[in-house]
Amino acid sequence: QNIRFDYLKIDKCFIDTIGVTSVNAPVLNSIIELANNLDVKTIAEGVE
């Protein structure tokens, strides 16, 4: 909240939880929501 930045690059380990039951699965949605609240754009890494 104290710094200005333009993009959040979401790490591949969270992208890998899509469609898979994992303890990290809810984190992905939380990161996306956080980025929206901070008004910054997101880049998803490791999309396969």
All heavy atoms as atom14 arrays in JSON, in Angstrom:
{
  "sequence": "QNIRFDYLKIDKCFIDTIGVTSVNAPVLNSIIELANNLDVKTIAEGVE",
  "atom14_mask": [
    [1, 1, 1, 1, 1, 1, 1, 1, 1, 0, 0, 0, 0, 0],
    [1, 1, 1, 1, 1, 1, 1, 1, 0, 0, 0, 0, 0, 0],
    [1, 1, 1, 1, 1, 1, 1, 1, 0, 0, 0, 0, 0, 0],
    [1, 1, 1, 1, 1, 1, 1, 1, 1, 1, 1, 0, 0, 0],
    [1, 1, 1, 1, 1, 1, 1, 1, 1, 1, 1, 0, 0, 0],
    [1, 1, 1, 1, 1, 1, 1, 1, 0, 0, 0, 0, 0, 0],
    [1, 1, 1, 1, 1, 1, 1, 1, 1, 1, 1, 1, 0, 0],
    [1, 1, 1, 1, 1, 1, 1, 1, 0, 0, 0, 0, 0, 0],
    [1, 1, 1, 1, 1, 1, 1, 1, 1, 0, 0, 0, 0, 0],
    [1, 1, 1, 1, 1, 1, 1, 1, 0, 0, 0, 0, 0, 0],
    [1, 1, 1, 1, 1, 1, 1, 1, 0, 0, 0, 0, 0, 0],
    [1, 1, 1, 1, 1, 1, 1, 1, 1, 0, 0, 0, 0, 0],
    [1, 1, 1, 1, 1, 1, 0, 0, 0, 0, 0, 0, 0, 0],
    [1, 1, 1, 1, 1, 1, 1, 1, 1, 1, 1, 0, 0, 0],
    [1, 1, 1, 1, 1, 1, 1, 1, 0, 0, 0, 0, 0, 0],
    [1, 1, 1, 1, 1, 1, 1, 1, 0, 0, 0, 0, 0, 0],
    [1, 1, 1, 1, 1, 1, 1, 0, 0, 0, 0, 0, 0, 0],
    [1, 1, 1, 1, 1, 1, 1, 1, 0, 0, 0, 0, 0, 0],
    [1, 1, 1, 1, 0, 0, 0, 0, 0, 0, 0, 0, 0, 0],
    [1, 1, 1, 1, 1, 1, 1, 0, 0, 0, 0, 0, 0, 0],
    [1, 1, 1, 1, 1, 1, 1, 0, 0, 0, 0, 0, 0, 0],
    [1, 1, 1, 1, 1, 1, 0, 0, 0, 0, 0, 0, 0, 0],
    [1, 1, 1, 1, 1, 1, 1, 0, 0, 0, 0, 0, 0, 0],
    [1, 1, 1, 1, 1, 1, 1, 1, 0, 0, 0, 0, 0, 0],
    [1, 1, 1, 1, 1, 0, 0, 0, 0, 0, 0, 0, 0, 0],
    [1, 1, 1, 1, 1, 1, 1, 0, 0, 0, 0, 0, 0, 0],
    [1, 1, 1, 1, 1, 1, 1, 0, 0, 0, 0, 0, 0, 0],
    [1, 1, 1, 1, 1, 1, 1, 1, 0, 0, 0, 0, 0, 0],
    [1, 1, 1, 1, 1, 1, 1, 1, 0, 0, 0, 0, 0, 0],
    [1, 1, 1, 1, 1, 1, 0, 0, 0, 0, 0, 0, 0, 0],
    [1, 1, 1, 1, 1, 1, 1, 1, 0, 0, 0, 0, 0, 0],
    [1, 1, 1, 1, 1, 1, 1, 1, 0, 0, 0, 0, 0, 0],
    [1, 1, 1, 1, 1, 1, 1, 1, 1, 0, 0, 0, 0, 0],
    [1, 1, 1, 1, 1, 1, 1, 1, 0, 0, 0, 0, 0, 0],
    [1, 1, 1, 1, 1, 0, 0, 0, 0, 0, 0, 0, 0, 0],
    [1, 1, 1, 1, 1, 1, 1, 1, 0, 0, 0, 0, 0, 0],
    [1, 1, 1, 1, 1, 1, 1, 1, 0, 0, 0, 0, 0, 0],
    [1, 1, 1, 1, 1, 1, 1, 1, 0, 0, 0, 0, 0, 0],
    [1, 1, 1, 1, 1, 1, 1, 1, 0, 0, 0, 0, 0, 0],
    [1, 1, 1, 1, 1, 1, 1, 0, 0, 0, 0, 0, 0, 0],
    [1, 1, 1, 1, 1, 1, 1, 1, 1, 0, 0, 0, 0, 0],
    [1, 1, 1, 1, 1, 1, 1, 0, 0, 0, 0, 0, 0, 0],
    [1, 1, 1, 1, 1, 1, 1, 1, 0, 0, 0, 0, 0, 0],
    [1, 1, 1, 1, 1, 0, 0, 0, 0, 0, 0, 0, 0, 0],
    [1, 1, 1, 1, 1, 1, 1, 1, 1, 0, 0, 0, 0, 0],
    [1, 1, 1, 1, 0, 0, 0, 0, 0, 0, 0, 0, 0, 0],
    [1, 1, 1, 1, 1, 1, 1, 0, 0, 0, 0, 0, 0, 0],
    [1, 1, 1, 1, 1, 1, 1, 1, 1, 0, 0, 0, 0, 0]
  ],
  "atom14_positions": [
    [[0.81, -1.2, 0.0], [0.0, 0.0, 0.0], [0.86, 1.26, 0.0], [0.4, 2.33, -0.39], [-0.92, 0.01, 1.23], [-2.02, -1.06, 1.15], [-2.83, -1.14, 2.44], [-2.43, -0.62, 3.46], [-3.97, -1.8, 2.37], [0.0, 0.0, 0.0], [0.0, 0.0, 0.0], [0.0, 0.0, 0.0], [0.0, 0.0, 0.0], [0.0, 0.0, 0.0]],
    [[2.12, 1.13, 0.42], [2.98, 2.3, 0.55], [3.82, 2.58, -0.7], [4.53, 3.58, -0.75], [3.92, 2.14, 1.74], [3.17, 2.15, 3.06], [2.09, 2.73, 3.16], [3.73, 1.5, 4.08], [0.0, 0.0, 0.0], [0.0, 0.0, 0.0], [0.0, 0.0, 0.0], [0.0, 0.0, 0.0], [0.0, 0.0, 0.0], [0.0, 0.0, 0.0]],
    [[3.8, 1.67, -1.68], [4.61, 1.88, -2.88], [3.69, 1.93, -4.11], [2.55, 1.46, -4.08], [5.64, 0.74, -3.06], [4.94, -0.6, -3.23], [6.62, 0.7, -1.91], [5.88, -1.73, -3.53], [0.0, 0.0, 0.0], [0.0, 0.0, 0.0], [0.0, 0.0, 0.0], [0.0, 0.0, 0.0], [0.0, 0.0, 0.0], [0.0, 0.0, 0.0]],
    [[4.22, 2.5, -5.18], [3.47, 2.58, -6.44], [4.08, 1.62, -7.43], [5.29, 1.65, -7.7], [3.52, 4.01, -6.98], [2.85, 5.03, -6.08], [2.93, 6.41, -6.69], [2.2, 6.45, -7.96], [2.23, 7.51, -8.77], [2.95, 8.57, -8.47], [1.54, 7.48, -9.92], [0.0, 0.0, 0.0], [0.0, 0.0, 0.0], [0.0, 0.0, 0.0]],
    [[3.25, 0.77, -7.98], [3.7, -0.16, -9.0], [2.57, -0.37, -10.0], [1.42, 0.01, -9.76], [4.18, -1.47, -8.39], [3.15, -2.18, -7.54], [2.38, -3.2, -8.07], [2.96, -1.83, -6.21], [1.44, -3.86, -7.29], [2.02, -2.48, -5.43], [1.26, -3.49, -5.97], [0.0, 0.0, 0.0], [0.0, 0.0, 0.0], [0.0, 0.0, 0.0]],
    [[2.91, -0.98, -11.12], [1.97, -1.05, -12.24], [1.39, -2.44, -12.47], [0.25, -2.58, -12.92], [2.66, -0.57, -13.52], [3.23, 0.82, -13.35], [2.44, 1.78, -13.35], [4.46, 0.94, -13.21], [0.0, 0.0, 0.0], [0.0, 0.0, 0.0], [0.0, 0.0, 0.0], [0.0, 0.0, 0.0], [0.0, 0.0, 0.0], [0.0, 0.0, 0.0]],
    [[2.19, -3.5, -12.2], [1.75, -4.86, -12.51], [2.14, -5.81, -11.38], [3.2, -5.66, -10.75], [2.39, -5.37, -13.81], [2.06, -4.56, -15.04], [2.87, -3.49, -15.41], [0.96, -4.88, -15.82], [2.59, -2.75, -16.55], [0.67, -4.14, -16.96], [1.48, -3.07, -17.32], [1.2, -2.35, -18.44], [0.0, 0.0, 0.0], [0.0, 0.0, 0.0]],
    [[1.27, -6.79, -11.16], [1.59, -7.95, -10.31], [1.7, -9.17, -11.21], [0.75, -9.48, -11.94], [0.51, -8.2, -9.26], [0.5, -7.35, -7.99], [-0.65, -7.78, -7.09], [1.81, -7.44, -7.24], [0.0, 0.0, 0.0], [0.0, 0.0, 0.0], [0.0, 0.0, 0.0], [0.0, 0.0, 0.0], [0.0, 0.0, 0.0], [0.0, 0.0, 0.0]],
    [[2.84, -9.83, -11.19], [2.99, -11.07, -11.95], [2.73, -12.24, -11.0], [3.48, -12.47, -10.04], [4.39, -11.16, -12.55], [4.7, -10.04, -13.55], [5.97, -10.32, -14.33], [5.76, -11.39, -15.38], [6.94, -11.57, -16.25], [0.0, 0.0, 0.0], [0.0, 0.0, 0.0], [0.0, 0.0, 0.0], [0.0, 0.0, 0.0], [0.0, 0.0, 0.0]],
    [[1.64, -12.96, -11.27], [1.23, -14.06, -10.39], [2.11, -15.28, -10.69], [2.21, -15.73, -11.83], [-0.25, -14.41, -10.6], [-1.12, -13.16, -10.42], [-0.69, -15.49, -9.62], [-2.58, -13.37, -10.77], [0.0, 0.0, 0.0], [0.0, 0.0, 0.0], [0.0, 0.0, 0.0], [0.0, 0.0, 0.0], [0.0, 0.0, 0.0], [0.0, 0.0, 0.0]],
    [[2.74, -15.82, -9.66], [3.67, -16.93, -9.84], [2.96, -18.18, -10.38], [1.79, -18.42, -10.1], [4.36, -17.26, -8.51], [5.5, -18.23, -8.69], [6.58, -17.81, -9.12], [5.3, -19.42, -8.41], [0.0, 0.0, 0.0], [0.0, 0.0, 0.0], [0.0, 0.0, 0.0], [0.0, 0.0, 0.0], [0.0, 0.0, 0.0], [0.0, 0.0, 0.0]],
    [[3.72, -18.97, -11.13], [3.19, -20.18, -11.78], [2.61, -21.17, -10.78], [1.67, -21.91, -11.1], [4.31, -20.85, -12.57], [3.9, -22.11, -13.32], [5.08, -22.69, -14.08], [4.67, -23.9, -14.9], [4.16, -25.01, -14.08], [0.0, 0.0, 0.0], [0.0, 0.0, 0.0], [0.0, 0.0, 0.0], [0.0, 0.0, 0.0], [0.0, 0.0, 0.0]],
    [[3.15, -21.21, -9.55], [2.67, -22.2, -8.57], [1.19, -21.99, -8.25], [0.49, -22.95, -7.9], [3.51, -22.15, -7.3], [3.35, -20.64, -6.34], [0.0, 0.0, 0.0], [0.0, 0.0, 0.0], [0.0, 0.0, 0.0], [0.0, 0.0, 0.0], [0.0, 0.0, 0.0], [0.0, 0.0, 0.0], [0.0, 0.0, 0.0], [0.0, 0.0, 0.0]],
    [[0.69, -20.77, -8.37], [-0.73, -20.5, -8.13], [-1.56, -20.77, -9.39], [-2.71, -21.21, -9.28], [-0.92, -19.05, -7.67], [-0.18, -18.74, -6.4], [0.95, -17.94, -6.41], [-0.6, -19.27, -5.19], [1.65, -17.66, -5.26], [0.09, -19.0, -4.01], [1.23, -18.2, -4.06], [0.0, 0.0, 0.0], [0.0, 0.0, 0.0], [0.0, 0.0, 0.0]],
    [[-0.97, -20.54, -10.54], [-1.68, -20.84, -11.79], [-1.9, -22.35, -11.91], [-2.94, -22.8, -12.41], [-0.89, -20.31, -13.0], [-0.61, -18.82, -12.85], [-1.63, -20.6, -14.29], [-1.83, -17.95, -12.69], [0.0, 0.0, 0.0], [0.0, 0.0, 0.0], [0.0, 0.0, 0.0], [0.0, 0.0, 0.0], [0.0, 0.0, 0.0], [0.0, 0.0, 0.0]],
    [[-0.95, -23.13, -11.43], [-1.06, -24.59, -11.51], [-2.21, -25.14, -10.67], [-2.6, -26.3, -10.83], [0.25, -25.24, -11.05], [1.38, -25.04, -12.05], [1.07, -24.76, -13.22], [2.55, -25.14, -11.67], [0.0, 0.0, 0.0], [0.0, 0.0, 0.0], [0.0, 0.0, 0.0], [0.0, 0.0, 0.0], [0.0, 0.0, 0.0], [0.0, 0.0, 0.0]],
    [[-2.76, -24.34, -9.74], [-3.85, -24.84, -8.89], [-5.21, -24.78, -9.59], [-6.19, -25.31, -9.06], [-3.93, -24.01, -7.59], [-4.24, -22.65, -7.92], [-2.6, -24.05, -6.84], [0.0, 0.0, 0.0], [0.0, 0.0, 0.0], [0.0, 0.0, 0.0], [0.0, 0.0, 0.0], [0.0, 0.0, 0.0], [0.0, 0.0, 0.0], [0.0, 0.0, 0.0]],
    [[-5.25, -24.17, -10.76], [-6.53, -24.08, -11.48], [-6.99, -25.48, -11.89], [-6.27, -26.21, -12.57], [-6.39, -23.17, -12.72], [-6.07, -21.75, -12.3], [-7.67, -23.21, -13.57], [-5.77, -20.8, -13.46], [0.0, 0.0, 0.0], [0.0, 0.0, 0.0], [0.0, 0.0, 0.0], [0.0, 0.0, 0.0], [0.0, 0.0, 0.0], [0.0, 0.0, 0.0]],
    [[-8.19, -25.85, -11.46], [-8.75, -27.17, -11.77], [-8.19, -28.28, -10.91], [-8.49, -29.45, -11.14], [0.0, 0.0, 0.0], [0.0, 0.0, 0.0], [0.0, 0.0, 0.0], [0.0, 0.0, 0.0], [0.0, 0.0, 0.0], [0.0, 0.0, 0.0], [0.0, 0.0, 0.0], [0.0, 0.0, 0.0], [0.0, 0.0, 0.0], [0.0, 0.0, 0.0]],
    [[-7.4, -27.93, -9.9], [-6.78, -28.94, -9.03], [-7.11, -28.59, -7.58], [-7.05, -27.41, -7.18], [-5.25, -28.98, -9.21], [-4.62, -30.01, -8.27], [-4.89, -29.3, -10.66], [0.0, 0.0, 0.0], [0.0, 0.0, 0.0], [0.0, 0.0, 0.0], [0.0, 0.0, 0.0], [0.0, 0.0, 0.0], [0.0, 0.0, 0.0], [0.0, 0.0, 0.0]],
    [[-7.43, -29.6, -6.79], [-7.68, -29.38, -5.37], [-6.35, -29.15, -4.67], [-5.48, -30.03, -4.66], [-8.4, -30.58, -4.74], [-9.63, -30.8, -5.44], [-8.68, -30.33, -3.27], [0.0, 0.0, 0.0], [0.0, 0.0, 0.0], [0.0, 0.0, 0.0], [0.0, 0.0, 0.0], [0.0, 0.0, 0.0], [0.0, 0.0, 0.0], [0.0, 0.0, 0.0]],
    [[-6.16, -27.98, -4.11], [-4.88, -27.63, -3.49], [-5.12, -26.59, -2.42], [-6.07, -25.8, -2.49], [-3.88, -27.11, -4.53], [-2.75, -26.56, -3.93], [0.0, 0.0, 0.0], [0.0, 0.0, 0.0], [0.0, 0.0, 0.0], [0.0, 0.0, 0.0], [0.0, 0.0, 0.0], [0.0, 0.0, 0.0], [0.0, 0.0, 0.0], [0.0, 0.0, 0.0]],
    [[-4.23, -26.58, -1.41], [-4.34, -25.56, -0.36], [-4.04, -24.17, -0.92], [-4.43, -23.16, -0.33], [-3.37, -25.87, 0.8], [-3.78, -27.15, 1.52], [-1.93, -26.0, 0.3], [0.0, 0.0, 0.0], [0.0, 0.0, 0.0], [0.0, 0.0, 0.0], [0.0, 0.0, 0.0], [0.0, 0.0, 0.0], [0.0, 0.0, 0.0], [0.0, 0.0, 0.0]],
    [[-3.33, -24.1, -2.05], [-3.01, -22.81, -2.66], [-4.11, -22.3, -3.59], [-4.02, -21.17, -4.09], [-1.7, -22.89, -3.44], [-0.49, -22.97, -2.53], [-0.53, -22.49, -1.41], [0.57, -23.59, -3.01], [0.0, 0.0, 0.0], [0.0, 0.0, 0.0], [0.0, 0.0, 0.0], [0.0, 0.0, 0.0], [0.0, 0.0, 0.0], [0.0, 0.0, 0.0]],
    [[-5.12, -23.15, -3.87], [-6.15, -22.77, -4.83], [-6.86, -21.47, -4.46], [-7.05, -20.59, -5.32], [-7.15, -23.91, -4.99], [0.0, 0.0, 0.0], [0.0, 0.0, 0.0], [0.0, 0.0, 0.0], [0.0, 0.0, 0.0], [0.0, 0.0, 0.0], [0.0, 0.0, 0.0], [0.0, 0.0, 0.0], [0.0, 0.0, 0.0], [0.0, 0.0, 0.0]],
    [[-7.3, -21.24, -3.2], [-7.99, -19.99, -2.87], [-7.07, -18.78, -2.94], [-7.55, -17.65, -3.07], [-8.47, -20.21, -1.43], [-8.41, -21.7, -1.22], [-7.27, -22.17, -2.07], [0.0, 0.0, 0.0], [0.0, 0.0, 0.0], [0.0, 0.0, 0.0], [0.0, 0.0, 0.0], [0.0, 0.0, 0.0], [0.0, 0.0, 0.0], [0.0, 0.0, 0.0]],
    [[-5.75, -18.99, -2.87], [-4.81, -17.87, -2.87], [-4.84, -17.13, -4.19], [-4.72, -15.9, -4.25], [-3.37, -18.36, -2.55], [-2.38, -17.2, -2.57], [-3.35, -19.07, -1.21], [0.0, 0.0, 0.0], [0.0, 0.0, 0.0], [0.0, 0.0, 0.0], [0.0, 0.0, 0.0], [0.0, 0.0, 0.0], [0.0, 0.0, 0.0], [0.0, 0.0, 0.0]],
    [[-5.0, -17.86, -5.3], [-5.02, -17.24, -6.63], [-6.12, -16.19, -6.71], [-5.88, -15.06, -7.15], [-5.21, -18.32, -7.7], [-5.42, -17.81, -9.13], [-4.22, -16.99, -9.59], [-5.69, -18.98, -10.08], [0.0, 0.0, 0.0], [0.0, 0.0, 0.0], [0.0, 0.0, 0.0], [0.0, 0.0, 0.0], [0.0, 0.0, 0.0], [0.0, 0.0, 0.0]],
    [[-7.32, -16.57, -6.29], [-8.43, -15.62, -6.34], [-8.19, -14.43, -5.42], [-8.56, -13.29, -5.74], [-9.74, -16.31, -5.96], [-10.12, -17.39, -6.98], [-9.72, -17.32, -8.14], [-10.91, -18.36, -6.56], [0.0, 0.0, 0.0], [0.0, 0.0, 0.0], [0.0, 0.0, 0.0], [0.0, 0.0, 0.0], [0.0, 0.0, 0.0], [0.0, 0.0, 0.0]],
    [[-7.52, -14.69, -4.29], [-7.22, -13.6, -3.35], [-6.22, -12.61, -3.96], [-6.35, -11.39, -3.77], [-6.66, -14.16, -2.04], [-7.6, -15.02, -1.43], [0.0, 0.0, 0.0], [0.0, 0.0, 0.0], [0.0, 0.0, 0.0], [0.0, 0.0, 0.0], [0.0, 0.0, 0.0], [0.0, 0.0, 0.0], [0.0, 0.0, 0.0], [0.0, 0.0, 0.0]],
    [[-5.24, -13.13, -4.7], [-4.26, -12.25, -5.35], [-4.93, -11.39, -6.41], [-4.67, -10.18, -6.52], [-3.11, -13.07, -5.94], [-2.3, -13.75, -4.82], [-2.19, -12.2, -6.79], [-1.22, -14.7, -5.32], [0.0, 0.0, 0.0], [0.0, 0.0, 0.0], [0.0, 0.0, 0.0], [0.0, 0.0, 0.0], [0.0, 0.0, 0.0], [0.0, 0.0, 0.0]],
    [[-5.8, -12.02, -7.19], [-6.52, -11.28, -8.24], [-7.37, -10.18, -7.61], [-7.38, -9.04, -8.08], [-7.39, -12.24, -9.08], [-6.5, -13.24, -9.82], [-8.26, -11.46, -10.05], [-7.27, -14.34, -10.52], [0.0, 0.0, 0.0], [0.0, 0.0, 0.0], [0.0, 0.0, 0.0], [0.0, 0.0, 0.0], [0.0, 0.0, 0.0], [0.0, 0.0, 0.0]],
    [[-8.06, -10.52, -6.53], [-8.91, -9.54, -5.84], [-8.06, -8.42, -5.24], [-8.42, -7.24, -5.28], [-9.73, -10.23, -4.76], [-10.7, -9.31, -4.05], [-11.54, -10.04, -3.02], [-11.41, -11.28, -2.93], [-12.3, -9.36, -2.3], [0.0, 0.0, 0.0], [0.0, 0.0, 0.0], [0.0, 0.0, 0.0], [0.0, 0.0, 0.0], [0.0, 0.0, 0.0]],
    [[-6.89, -8.79, -4.68], [-6.0, -7.79, -4.1], [-5.52, -6.81, -5.17], [-5.51, -5.58, -4.94], [-4.79, -8.48, -3.45], [-3.66, -7.58, -2.97], [-4.13, -6.68, -1.84], [-2.46, -8.42, -2.53], [0.0, 0.0, 0.0], [0.0, 0.0, 0.0], [0.0, 0.0, 0.0], [0.0, 0.0, 0.0], [0.0, 0.0, 0.0], [0.0, 0.0, 0.0]],
    [[-5.14, -7.34, -6.32], [-4.68, -6.47, -7.41], [-5.79, -5.51, -7.85], [-5.53, -4.33, -8.12], [-4.2, -7.32, -8.57], [0.0, 0.0, 0.0], [0.0, 0.0, 0.0], [0.0, 0.0, 0.0], [0.0, 0.0, 0.0], [0.0, 0.0, 0.0], [0.0, 0.0, 0.0], [0.0, 0.0, 0.0], [0.0, 0.0, 0.0], [0.0, 0.0, 0.0]],
    [[-7.01, -6.0, -7.93], [-8.14, -5.14, -8.32], [-8.35, -4.03, -7.3], [-8.6, -2.87, -7.66], [-9.41, -5.97, -8.48], [-9.33, -6.92, -9.66], [-8.61, -6.66, -10.64], [-10.05, -8.03, -9.6], [0.0, 0.0, 0.0], [0.0, 0.0, 0.0], [0.0, 0.0, 0.0], [0.0, 0.0, 0.0], [0.0, 0.0, 0.0], [0.0, 0.0, 0.0]],
    [[-8.22, -4.39, -6.0], [-8.4, -3.39, -4.95], [-7.3, -2.34, -4.97], [-7.52, -1.17, -4.63], [-8.45, -4.07, -3.58], [-9.69, -4.92, -3.41], [-10.71, -4.69, -4.06], [-9.61, -5.92, -2.55], [0.0, 0.0, 0.0], [0.0, 0.0, 0.0], [0.0, 0.0, 0.0], [0.0, 0.0, 0.0], [0.0, 0.0, 0.0], [0.0, 0.0, 0.0]],
    [[-6.08, -2.77, -5.35], [-4.95, -1.83, -5.43], [-4.9, -1.09, -6.76], [-4.03, -0.24, -6.96], [-3.63, -2.58, -5.22], [-3.41, -3.22, -3.83], [-2.12, -4.03, -3.81], [-3.37, -2.14, -2.75], [0.0, 0.0, 0.0], [0.0, 0.0, 0.0], [0.0, 0.0, 0.0], [0.0, 0.0, 0.0], [0.0, 0.0, 0.0], [0.0, 0.0, 0.0]],
    [[-5.82, -1.44, -7.66], [-5.91, -0.8, -8.99], [-4.62, -1.0, -9.78], [-4.09, -0.06, -10.39], [-6.22, 0.69, -8.84], [-6.7, 1.3, -10.16], [-7.22, 0.54, -11.0], [-6.52, 2.51, -10.36], [0.0, 0.0, 0.0], [0.0, 0.0, 0.0], [0.0, 0.0, 0.0], [0.0, 0.0, 0.0], [0.0, 0.0, 0.0], [0.0, 0.0, 0.0]],
    [[-4.11, -2.24, -9.77], [-2.95, -2.58, -10.6], [-3.33, -3.76, -11.48], [-4.22, -4.55, -11.15], [-1.71, -2.94, -9.74], [-1.24, -1.74, -8.94], [-1.98, -4.13, -8.84], [0.0, 0.0, 0.0], [0.0, 0.0, 0.0], [0.0, 0.0, 0.0], [0.0, 0.0, 0.0], [0.0, 0.0, 0.0], [0.0, 0.0, 0.0], [0.0, 0.0, 0.0]],
    [[-2.64, -3.89, -12.6], [-2.93, -4.96, -13.55], [-2.17, -6.22, -13.15], [-1.12, -6.16, -12.52], [-2.56, -4.54, -14.97], [-3.29, -3.3, -15.46], [-2.86, -2.94, -16.85], [-3.58, -1.7, -17.37], [-3.27, -0.49, -16.58], [0.0, 0.0, 0.0], [0.0, 0.0, 0.0], [0.0, 0.0, 0.0], [0.0, 0.0, 0.0], [0.0, 0.0, 0.0]],
    [[-2.7, -7.37, -13.56], [-2.07, -8.65, -13.24], [-1.62, -9.35, -14.52], [-2.27, -9.25, -15.56], [-3.03, -9.58, -12.47], [-4.27, -9.65, -13.19], [-3.28, -9.06, -11.07], [0.0, 0.0, 0.0], [0.0, 0.0, 0.0], [0.0, 0.0, 0.0], [0.0, 0.0, 0.0], [0.0, 0.0, 0.0], [0.0, 0.0, 0.0], [0.0, 0.0, 0.0]],
    [[-0.49, -10.06, -14.4], [0.04, -10.9, -15.48], [0.19, -12.3, -14.91], [0.91, -12.51, -13.93], [1.4, -10.39, -15.99], [1.28, -8.95, -16.48], [1.92, -11.3, -17.09], [2.62, -8.33, -16.88], [0.0, 0.0, 0.0], [0.0, 0.0, 0.0], [0.0, 0.0, 0.0], [0.0, 0.0, 0.0], [0.0, 0.0, 0.0], [0.0, 0.0, 0.0]],
    [[-0.5, -13.25, -15.49], [-0.41, -14.64, -15.03], [0.77, -15.32, -15.71], [0.83, -15.4, -16.94], [-1.7, -15.38, -15.32], [0.0, 0.0, 0.0], [0.0, 0.0, 0.0], [0.0, 0.0, 0.0], [0.0, 0.0, 0.0], [0.0, 0.0, 0.0], [0.0, 0.0, 0.0], [0.0, 0.0, 0.0], [0.0, 0.0, 0.0], [0.0, 0.0, 0.0]],
    [[1.71, -15.83, -14.9], [2.89, -16.51, -15.43], [2.64, -18.02, -15.5], [1.87, -18.58, -14.71], [4.11, -16.25, -14.55], [4.57, -14.81, -14.51], [5.84, -14.65, -13.7], [5.76, -14.76, -12.46], [6.9, -14.43, -14.3], [0.0, 0.0, 0.0], [0.0, 0.0, 0.0], [0.0, 0.0, 0.0], [0.0, 0.0, 0.0], [0.0, 0.0, 0.0]],
    [[3.31, -18.68, -16.42], [3.29, -20.14, -16.47], [1.98, -20.74, -16.93], [1.62, -21.85, -16.51], [0.0, 0.0, 0.0], [0.0, 0.0, 0.0], [0.0, 0.0, 0.0], [0.0, 0.0, 0.0], [0.0, 0.0, 0.0], [0.0, 0.0, 0.0], [0.0, 0.0, 0.0], [0.0, 0.0, 0.0], [0.0, 0.0, 0.0], [0.0, 0.0, 0.0]],
    [[1.24, -20.05, -17.77], [-0.03, -20.61, -18.3], [0.31, -21.69, -19.31], [1.01, -21.44, -20.29], [-0.88, -19.5, -18.95], [-2.17, -20.09, -19.5], [-1.16, -18.39, -17.96], [0.0, 0.0, 0.0], [0.0, 0.0, 0.0], [0.0, 0.0, 0.0], [0.0, 0.0, 0.0], [0.0, 0.0, 0.0], [0.0, 0.0, 0.0], [0.0, 0.0, 0.0]],
    [[-0.21, -22.91, -19.07], [0.17, -24.05, -19.91], [-1.0, -24.8, -20.5], [-0.81, -25.68, -21.35], [1.04, -25.02, -19.09], [2.37, -24.42, -18.65], [3.22, -25.42, -17.89], [2.66, -26.45, -17.47], [4.43, -25.17, -17.72], [0.0, 0.0, 0.0], [0.0, 0.0, 0.0], [0.0, 0.0, 0.0], [0.0, 0.0, 0.0], [0.0, 0.0, 0.0]]
  ]
}
